[in-house]
């Protein structure tokens, strides 16, 4: 069986963001084709939901690590502050 199948794929916590996204995109392609049996469709949909949550978690962690450079009155860098992404 191939790596995009839910019964052989590694669990999401073991996957880096890029691999999880790649698997998620493959699941979407397979479901959009519409040639997957119903039971398998449900299984890969559930795997896709798990991968989506994993990707969202990794993105939130990355956003929390991003900081912006703060400038002093003279225009020189004086420190960092959390990046407000909202």
PDB file of N, CA and C in Angstrom:
ATOM      1  N   UNK A   1       0.843  -1.189   0.000  1.00  0.00           N
ATOM      2  CA  UNK A   1       0.000   0.000   0.000  1.00  0.00           C
ATOM      3  C   UNK A   1       0.878   1.239   0.000  1.00  0.00           C
ATOM      4  N   UNK A   2       0.357   2.368  -0.492  1.00  0.00           N
ATOM      5  CA  UNK A   2       1.211   3.552  -0.574  1.00  0.00           C
ATOM      6  C   UNK A   2       1.097   4.422   0.664  1.00  0.00           C
ATOM      7  N   UNK A   3       2.008   5.399   0.785  1.00  0.00           N
ATOM      8  CA  UNK A   3       2.114   6.205   2.003  1.00  0.00           C
ATOM      9  C   UNK A   3       0.936   7.137   2.205  1.00  0.00           C
ATOM     10  N   UNK A   4       0.101   7.381   1.185  1.00  0.00           N
ATOM     11  CA  UNK A   4      -1.024   8.286   1.369  1.00  0.00           C
ATOM     12  C   UNK A   4      -2.243   7.555   1.918  1.00  0.00           C
ATOM     13  N   UNK A   5      -2.161   6.246   2.073  1.00  0.00           N
ATOM     14  CA  UNK A   5      -3.262   5.458   2.612  1.00  0.00           C
ATOM     15  C   UNK A   5      -3.270   5.605   4.126  1.00  0.00           C
ATOM     16  N   UNK A   6      -4.452   5.766   4.737  1.00  0.00           N
ATOM     17  CA  UNK A   6      -4.513   5.993   6.174  1.00  0.00           C
ATOM     18  C   UNK A   6      -3.998   4.838   7.014  1.00  0.00           C
ATOM     19  N   UNK A   7      -4.045   3.599   6.504  1.00  0.00           N
ATOM     20  CA  UNK A   7      -3.628   2.472   7.312  1.00  0.00           C
ATOM     21  C   UNK A   7      -2.117   2.282   7.354  1.00  0.00           C
ATOM     22  N   UNK A   8      -1.362   2.990   6.525  1.00  0.00           N
ATOM     23  CA  UNK A   8       0.087   2.844   6.527  1.00  0.00           C
ATOM     24  C   UNK A   8       0.808   4.162   6.778  1.00  0.00           C
ATOM     25  N   UNK A   9       0.091   5.259   6.793  1.00  0.00           N
ATOM     26  CA  UNK A   9       0.713   6.570   6.943  1.00  0.00           C
ATOM     27  C   UNK A   9       1.136   6.794   8.391  1.00  0.00           C
ATOM     28  N   UNK A  10       2.252   7.510   8.596  1.00  0.00           N
ATOM     29  CA  UNK A  10       2.661   7.823   9.964  1.00  0.00           C
ATOM     30  C   UNK A  10       1.622   8.725  10.623  1.00  0.00           C
ATOM     31  N   UNK A  11       1.611   8.715  11.939  1.00  0.00           N
ATOM     32  CA  UNK A  11       0.686   9.592  12.647  1.00  0.00           C
ATOM     33  C   UNK A  11       1.103  11.044  12.443  1.00  0.00           C
ATOM     34  N   UNK A  12       0.150  11.948  12.509  1.00  0.00           N
ATOM     35  CA  UNK A  12       0.414  13.362  12.229  1.00  0.00           C
ATOM     36  C   UNK A  12       1.509  13.964  13.118  1.00  0.00           C
ATOM     37  N   UNK A  13       1.557  13.687  14.423  1.00  0.00           N
ATOM     38  CA  UNK A  13       2.613  14.309  15.235  1.00  0.00           C
ATOM     39  C   UNK A  13       4.025  13.980  14.764  1.00  0.00           C
ATOM     40  N   UNK A  14       4.170  12.898  14.018  1.00  0.00           N
ATOM     41  CA  UNK A  14       5.483  12.515  13.505  1.00  0.00           C
ATOM     42  C   UNK A  14       5.846  13.230  12.206  1.00  0.00           C
ATOM     43  N   UNK A  15       4.892  13.941  11.612  1.00  0.00           N
ATOM     44  CA  UNK A  15       5.104  14.532  10.292  1.00  0.00           C
ATOM     45  C   UNK A  15       5.488  16.003  10.374  1.00  0.00           C
ATOM     46  N   UNK A  16       6.485  16.403   9.603  1.00  0.00           N
ATOM     47  CA  UNK A  16       6.744  17.836   9.473  1.00  0.00           C
ATOM     48  C   UNK A  16       5.610  18.465   8.654  1.00  0.00           C
ATOM     49  N   UNK A  17       5.481  19.769   8.745  1.00  0.00           N
ATOM     50  CA  UNK A  17       4.391  20.486   8.086  1.00  0.00           C
ATOM     51  C   UNK A  17       4.293  20.151   6.601  1.00  0.00           C
ATOM     52  N   UNK A  18       5.414  20.171   5.896  1.00  0.00           N
ATOM     53  CA  UNK A  18       5.398  19.975   4.444  1.00  0.00           C
ATOM     54  C   UNK A  18       4.858  18.605   4.067  1.00  0.00           C
ATOM     55  N   UNK A  19       5.249  17.565   4.811  1.00  0.00           N
ATOM     56  CA  UNK A  19       4.767  16.208   4.527  1.00  0.00           C
ATOM     57  C   UNK A  19       3.281  16.090   4.839  1.00  0.00           C
ATOM     58  N   UNK A  20       2.856  16.672   5.958  1.00  0.00           N
ATOM     59  CA  UNK A  20       1.439  16.623   6.324  1.00  0.00           C
ATOM     60  C   UNK A  20       0.592  17.329   5.270  1.00  0.00           C
ATOM     61  N   UNK A  21       1.058  18.478   4.800  1.00  0.00           N
ATOM     62  CA  UNK A  21       0.329  19.217   3.768  1.00  0.00           C
ATOM     63  C   UNK A  21       0.288  18.429   2.465  1.00  0.00           C
ATOM     64  N   UNK A  22       1.380  17.797   2.120  1.00  0.00           N
ATOM     65  CA  UNK A  22       1.444  16.976   0.906  1.00  0.00           C
ATOM     66  C   UNK A  22       0.426  15.834   0.982  1.00  0.00           C
ATOM     67  N   UNK A  23       0.352  15.176   2.123  1.00  0.00           N
ATOM     68  CA  UNK A  23      -0.622  14.093   2.286  1.00  0.00           C
ATOM     69  C   UNK A  23      -2.045  14.619   2.242  1.00  0.00           C
ATOM     70  N   UNK A  24      -2.265  15.763   2.853  1.00  0.00           N
ATOM     71  CA  UNK A  24      -3.597  16.371   2.840  1.00  0.00           C
ATOM     72  C   UNK A  24      -4.025  16.710   1.411  1.00  0.00           C
ATOM     73  N   UNK A  25      -3.112  17.274   0.636  1.00  0.00           N
ATOM     74  CA  UNK A  25      -3.420  17.595  -0.764  1.00  0.00           C
ATOM     75  C   UNK A  25      -3.741  16.333  -1.564  1.00  0.00           C
ATOM     76  N   UNK A  26      -3.028  15.245  -1.314  1.00  0.00           N
ATOM     77  CA  UNK A  26      -3.302  13.982  -2.004  1.00  0.00           C
ATOM     78  C   UNK A  26      -4.686  13.451  -1.636  1.00  0.00           C
ATOM     79  N   UNK A  27      -5.048  13.570  -0.382  1.00  0.00           N
ATOM     80  CA  UNK A  27      -6.384  13.139   0.048  1.00  0.00           C
ATOM     81  C   UNK A  27      -7.455  13.946  -0.673  1.00  0.00           C
ATOM     82  N   UNK A  28      -7.274  15.248  -0.748  1.00  0.00           N
ATOM     83  CA  UNK A  28      -8.237  16.102  -1.444  1.00  0.00           C
ATOM     84  C   UNK A  28      -8.357  15.690  -2.908  1.00  0.00           C
ATOM     85  N   UNK A  29      -7.224  15.445  -3.571  1.00  0.00           N
ATOM     86  CA  UNK A  29      -7.255  15.010  -4.974  1.00  0.00           C
ATOM     87  C   UNK A  29      -8.043  13.713  -5.136  1.00  0.00           C
ATOM     88  N   UNK A  30      -7.777  12.763  -4.261  1.00  0.00           N
ATOM     89  CA  UNK A  30      -8.463  11.465  -4.358  1.00  0.00           C
ATOM     90  C   UNK A  30      -9.960  11.617  -4.137  1.00  0.00           C
ATOM     91  N   UNK A  31     -10.351  12.422  -3.140  1.00  0.00           N
ATOM     92  CA  UNK A  31     -11.773  12.617  -2.878  1.00  0.00           C
ATOM     93  C   UNK A  31     -12.451  13.380  -4.008  1.00  0.00           C
ATOM     94  N   UNK A  32     -11.758  14.367  -4.581  1.00  0.00           N
ATOM     95  CA  UNK A  32     -12.340  15.128  -5.692  1.00  0.00           C
ATOM     96  C   UNK A  32     -12.530  14.281  -6.942  1.00  0.00           C
ATOM     97  N   UNK A  33     -11.652  13.305  -7.159  1.00  0.00           N
ATOM     98  CA  UNK A  33     -11.802  12.414  -8.316  1.00  0.00           C
ATOM     99  C   UNK A  33     -13.091  11.613  -8.218  1.00  0.00           C
ATOM    100  N   UNK A  34     -13.477  11.285  -7.009  1.00  0.00           N
ATOM    101  CA  UNK A  34     -14.729  10.578  -6.799  1.00  0.00           C
ATOM    102  C   UNK A  34     -14.696   9.095  -7.114  1.00  0.00           C
ATOM    103  N   UNK A  35     -13.523   8.517  -7.287  1.00  0.00           N
ATOM    104  CA  UNK A  35     -13.443   7.097  -7.635  1.00  0.00           C
ATOM    105  C   UNK A  35     -12.993   6.226  -6.461  1.00  0.00           C
ATOM    106  N   UNK A  36     -13.117   6.752  -5.245  1.00  0.00           N
ATOM    107  CA  UNK A  36     -12.710   6.020  -4.049  1.00  0.00           C
ATOM    108  C   UNK A  36     -13.970   5.398  -3.435  1.00  0.00           C
ATOM    109  N   UNK A  37     -13.932   4.111  -3.064  1.00  0.00           N
ATOM    110  CA  UNK A  37     -15.092   3.476  -2.423  1.00  0.00           C
ATOM    111  C   UNK A  37     -15.502   4.230  -1.151  1.00  0.00           C
ATOM    112  N   UNK A  38     -16.761   4.134  -0.797  1.00  0.00           N
ATOM    113  CA  UNK A  38     -17.313   4.898   0.323  1.00  0.00           C
ATOM    114  C   UNK A  38     -16.543   4.678   1.625  1.00  0.00           C
ATOM    115  N   UNK A  39     -16.294   3.437   2.004  1.00  0.00           N
ATOM    116  CA  UNK A  39     -15.581   3.176   3.266  1.00  0.00           C
ATOM    117  C   UNK A  39     -14.204   3.821   3.269  1.00  0.00           C
ATOM    118  N   UNK A  40     -13.510   3.717   2.149  1.00  0.00           N
ATOM    119  CA  UNK A  40     -12.186   4.319   2.059  1.00  0.00           C
ATOM    120  C   UNK A  40     -12.285   5.840   2.058  1.00  0.00           C
ATOM    121  N   UNK A  41     -13.318   6.375   1.420  1.00  0.00           N
ATOM    122  CA  UNK A  41     -13.523   7.831   1.416  1.00  0.00           C
ATOM    123  C   UNK A  41     -13.672   8.361   2.832  1.00  0.00           C
ATOM    124  N   UNK A  42     -14.458   7.659   3.633  1.00  0.00           N
ATOM    125  CA  UNK A  42     -14.661   8.081   5.024  1.00  0.00           C
ATOM    126  C   UNK A  42     -13.340   8.019   5.789  1.00  0.00           C
ATOM    127  N   UNK A  43     -12.594   6.947   5.597  1.00  0.00           N
ATOM    128  CA  UNK A  43     -11.316   6.786   6.304  1.00  0.00           C
ATOM    129  C   UNK A  43     -10.316   7.864   5.911  1.00  0.00           C
ATOM    130  N   UNK A  44     -10.194   8.135   4.615  1.00  0.00           N
ATOM    131  CA  UNK A  44      -9.210   9.147   4.218  1.00  0.00           C
ATOM    132  C   UNK A  44      -9.693  10.555   4.556  1.00  0.00           C
ATOM    133  N   UNK A  45     -11.019  10.776   4.584  1.00  0.00           N
ATOM    134  CA  UNK A  45     -11.548  12.064   5.029  1.00  0.00           C
ATOM    135  C   UNK A  45     -11.161  12.299   6.494  1.00  0.00           C
ATOM    136  N   UNK A  46     -11.328  11.265   7.334  1.00  0.00           N
ATOM    137  CA  UNK A  46     -10.953  11.392   8.742  1.00  0.00           C
ATOM    138  C   UNK A  46      -9.466  11.661   8.887  1.00  0.00           C
ATOM    139  N   UNK A  47      -8.649  10.982   8.089  1.00  0.00           N
ATOM    140  CA  UNK A  47      -7.197  11.230   8.103  1.00  0.00           C
ATOM    141  C   UNK A  47      -6.925  12.676   7.689  1.00  0.00           C
ATOM    142  N   UNK A  48      -7.657  13.153   6.678  1.00  0.00           N
ATOM    143  CA  UNK A  48      -7.496  14.535   6.231  1.00  0.00           C
ATOM    144  C   UNK A  48      -7.830  15.541   7.321  1.00  0.00           C
ATOM    145  N   UNK A  49      -8.887  15.270   8.070  1.00  0.00           N
ATOM    146  CA  UNK A  49      -9.249  16.157   9.184  1.00  0.00           C
ATOM    147  C   UNK A  49      -8.129  16.208  10.222  1.00  0.00           C
ATOM    148  N   UNK A  50      -7.555  15.045  10.533  1.00  0.00           N
ATOM    149  CA  UNK A  50      -6.458  14.995  11.497  1.00  0.00           C
ATOM    150  C   UNK A  50      -5.247  15.765  10.966  1.00  0.00           C
ATOM    151  N   UNK A  51      -4.934  15.576   9.675  1.00  0.00           N
ATOM    152  CA  UNK A  51      -3.799  16.290   9.080  1.00  0.00           C
ATOM    153  C   UNK A  51      -4.041  17.796   9.066  1.00  0.00           C
ATOM    154  N   UNK A  52      -5.267  18.207   8.803  1.00  0.00           N
ATOM    155  CA  UNK A  52      -5.614  19.637   8.805  1.00  0.00           C
ATOM    156  C   UNK A  52      -5.376  20.236  10.191  1.00  0.00           C
ATOM    157  N   UNK A  53      -5.861  19.551  11.225  1.00  0.00           N
ATOM    158  CA  UNK A  53      -5.646  20.046  12.595  1.00  0.00           C
ATOM    159  C   UNK A  53      -4.157  20.111  12.928  1.00  0.00           C
ATOM    160  N   UNK A  54      -3.406  19.104  12.491  1.00  0.00           N
ATOM    161  CA  UNK A  54      -1.957  19.074  12.741  1.00  0.00           C
ATOM    162  C   UNK A  54      -1.269  20.260  12.055  1.00  0.00           C
ATOM    163  N   UNK A  55      -1.623  20.511  10.795  1.00  0.00           N
ATOM    164  CA  UNK A  55      -1.035  21.648  10.064  1.00  0.00           C
ATOM    165  C   UNK A  55      -1.382  22.971  10.742  1.00  0.00           C
ATOM    166  N   UNK A  56      -2.641  23.120  11.161  1.00  0.00           N
ATOM    167  CA  UNK A  56      -3.043  24.345  11.857  1.00  0.00           C
ATOM    168  C   UNK A  56      -2.249  24.533  13.140  1.00  0.00           C
ATOM    169  N   UNK A  57      -2.045  23.451  13.882  1.00  0.00           N
ATOM    170  CA  UNK A  57      -1.265  23.517  15.119  1.00  0.00           C
ATOM    171  C   UNK A  57       0.177  23.956  14.835  1.00  0.00           C
ATOM    172  N   UNK A  58       0.787  23.359  13.818  1.00  0.00           N
ATOM    173  CA  UNK A  58       2.171  23.725  13.476  1.00  0.00           C
ATOM    174  C   UNK A  58       2.266  25.175  13.016  1.00  0.00           C
ATOM    175  N   UNK A  59       1.274  25.649  12.269  1.00  0.00           N
ATOM    176  CA  UNK A  59       1.277  27.056  11.830  1.00  0.00           C
ATOM    177  C   UNK A  59       1.146  28.004  13.012  1.00  0.00           C
ATOM    178  N   UNK A  60       0.278  27.660  13.965  1.00  0.00           N
ATOM    179  CA  UNK A  60       0.127  28.521  15.152  1.00  0.00           C
ATOM    180  C   UNK A  60       1.415  28.568  15.963  1.00  0.00           C
ATOM    181  N   UNK A  61       2.091  27.421  16.072  1.00  0.00           N
ATOM    182  CA  UNK A  61       3.380  27.407  16.773  1.00  0.00           C
ATOM    183  C   UNK A  61       4.404  28.274  16.051  1.00  0.00           C
ATOM    184  N   UNK A  62       4.420  28.204  14.727  1.00  0.00           N
ATOM    185  CA  UNK A  62       5.370  29.011  13.956  1.00  0.00           C
ATOM    186  C   UNK A  62       5.055  30.492  14.117  1.00  0.00           C
ATOM    187  N   UNK A  63       3.772  30.851  14.065  1.00  0.00           N
ATOM    188  CA  UNK A  63       3.389  32.259  14.240  1.00  0.00           C
ATOM    189  C   UNK A  63       3.824  32.780  15.604  1.00  0.00           C
ATOM    190  N   UNK A  64       3.713  31.939  16.629  1.00  0.00           N
ATOM    191  CA  UNK A  64       4.099  32.363  17.975  1.00  0.00           C
ATOM    192  C   UNK A  64       5.598  32.628  18.072  1.00  0.00           C
ATOM    193  N   UNK A  65       6.379  32.012  17.212  1.00  0.00           N
ATOM    194  CA  UNK A  65       7.831  32.195  17.240  1.00  0.00           C
ATOM    195  C   UNK A  65       8.291  33.398  16.429  1.00  0.00           C
ATOM    196  N   UNK A  66       7.433  33.889  15.554  1.00  0.00           N
ATOM    197  CA  UNK A  66       7.814  35.020  14.700  1.00  0.00           C
ATOM    198  C   UNK A  66       7.748  36.303  15.526  1.00  0.00           C
ATOM    199  N   UNK A  67       8.764  37.089  15.404  1.00  0.00           N
ATOM    200  CA  UNK A  67       8.808  38.353  16.121  1.00  0.00           C
ATOM    201  C   UNK A  67       9.107  39.480  15.131  1.00  0.00           C
ATOM    202  N   UNK A  68       8.701  40.656  15.508  1.00  0.00           N
ATOM    203  CA  UNK A  68       9.039  41.813  14.671  1.00  0.00           C
ATOM    204  C   UNK A  68      10.122  42.631  15.369  1.00  0.00           C
ATOM    205  N   UNK A  69      10.905  43.282  14.572  1.00  0.00           N
ATOM    206  CA  UNK A  69      11.980  44.121  15.114  1.00  0.00           C
ATOM    207  C   UNK A  69      11.379  45.460  15.503  1.00  0.00           C
ATOM    208  N   UNK A  70      11.682  45.915  16.720  1.00  0.00           N
ATOM    209  CA  UNK A  70      11.215  47.228  17.151  1.00  0.00           C
ATOM    210  C   UNK A  70      12.327  48.243  16.930  1.00  0.00           C
ATOM    211  N   UNK A  71      11.926  49.414  16.531  1.00  0.00           N
ATOM    212  CA  UNK A  71      12.885  50.482  16.247  1.00  0.00           C
ATOM    213  C   UNK A  71      12.807  51.557  17.314  1.00  0.00           C
ATOM    214  N   UNK A  72      13.966  52.105  17.646  1.00  0.00           N
ATOM    215  CA  UNK A  72      14.036  53.215  18.584  1.00  0.00           C
ATOM    216  C   UNK A  72      13.721  54.521  17.869  1.00  0.00           C
ATOM    217  N   UNK A  73      13.702  55.629  18.606  1.00  0.00           N
ATOM    218  CA  UNK A  73      13.396  56.937  18.027  1.00  0.00           C
ATOM    219  C   UNK A  73      14.380  57.338  16.917  1.00  0.00           C
ATOM    220  N   UNK A  74      15.577  56.792  16.970  1.00  0.00           N
ATOM    221  CA  UNK A  74      16.573  57.132  15.952  1.00  0.00           C
ATOM    222  C   UNK A  74      16.492  56.217  14.728  1.00  0.00           C
ATOM    223  N   UNK A  75      15.533  55.288  14.727  1.00  0.00           N
ATOM    224  CA  UNK A  75      15.373  54.404  13.583  1.00  0.00           C
ATOM    225  C   UNK A  75      16.228  53.152  13.628  1.00  0.00           C
ATOM    226  N   UNK A  76      16.994  53.004  14.659  1.00  0.00           N
ATOM    227  CA  UNK A  76      17.835  51.809  14.800  1.00  0.00           C
ATOM    228  C   UNK A  76      17.073  50.704  15.535  1.00  0.00           C
ATOM    229  N   UNK A  77      17.417  49.472  15.194  1.00  0.00           N
ATOM    230  CA  UNK A  77      16.789  48.338  15.868  1.00  0.00           C
ATOM    231  C   UNK A  77      17.146  48.372  17.341  1.00  0.00           C
ATOM    232  N   UNK A  78      16.100  48.190  18.177  1.00  0.00           N
ATOM    233  CA  UNK A  78      16.385  48.208  19.608  1.00  0.00           C
ATOM    234  C   UNK A  78      15.872  46.966  20.323  1.00  0.00           C
ATOM    235  N   UNK A  79      15.147  46.115  19.633  1.00  0.00           N
ATOM    236  CA  UNK A  79      14.674  44.890  20.268  1.00  0.00           C
ATOM    237  C   UNK A  79      13.653  44.192  19.400  1.00  0.00           C
ATOM    238  N   UNK A  80      12.976  43.249  19.994  1.00  0.00           N
ATOM    239  CA  UNK A  80      11.937  42.522  19.279  1.00  0.00           C
ATOM    240  C   UNK A  80      10.676  42.494  20.116  1.00  0.00           C
ATOM    241  N   UNK A  81       9.550  42.276  19.445  1.00  0.00           N
ATOM    242  CA  UNK A  81       8.246  42.143  20.093  1.00  0.00           C
ATOM    243  C   UNK A  81       7.465  41.093  19.320  1.00  0.00           C
ATOM    244  N   UNK A  82       6.483  40.465  19.971  1.00  0.00           N
ATOM    245  CA  UNK A  82       5.677  39.480  19.244  1.00  0.00           C
ATOM    246  C   UNK A  82       5.003  40.116  18.034  1.00  0.00           C
ATOM    247  N   UNK A  83       4.917  39.371  16.979  1.00  0.00           N
ATOM    248  CA  UNK A  83       4.266  39.837  15.760  1.00  0.00           C
ATOM    249  C   UNK A  83       2.777  39.701  15.921  1.00  0.00           C
ATOM    250  N   UNK A  84       2.040  40.787  15.733  1.00  0.00           N
ATOM    251  CA  UNK A  84       0.581  40.770  15.796  1.00  0.00           C
ATOM    252  C   UNK A  84       0.064  40.436  14.406  1.00  0.00           C
ATOM    253  N   UNK A  85      -0.382  39.186  14.216  1.00  0.00           N
ATOM    254  CA  UNK A  85      -0.796  38.743  12.897  1.00  0.00           C
ATOM    255  C   UNK A  85      -2.283  38.934  12.638  1.00  0.00           C
ATOM    256  N   UNK A  86      -3.018  39.423  13.599  1.00  0.00           N
ATOM    257  CA  UNK A  86      -4.455  39.608  13.409  1.00  0.00           C
ATOM    258  C   UNK A  86      -4.813  41.015  13.062  1.00  0.00           C
TER     259      UNK A  86
END
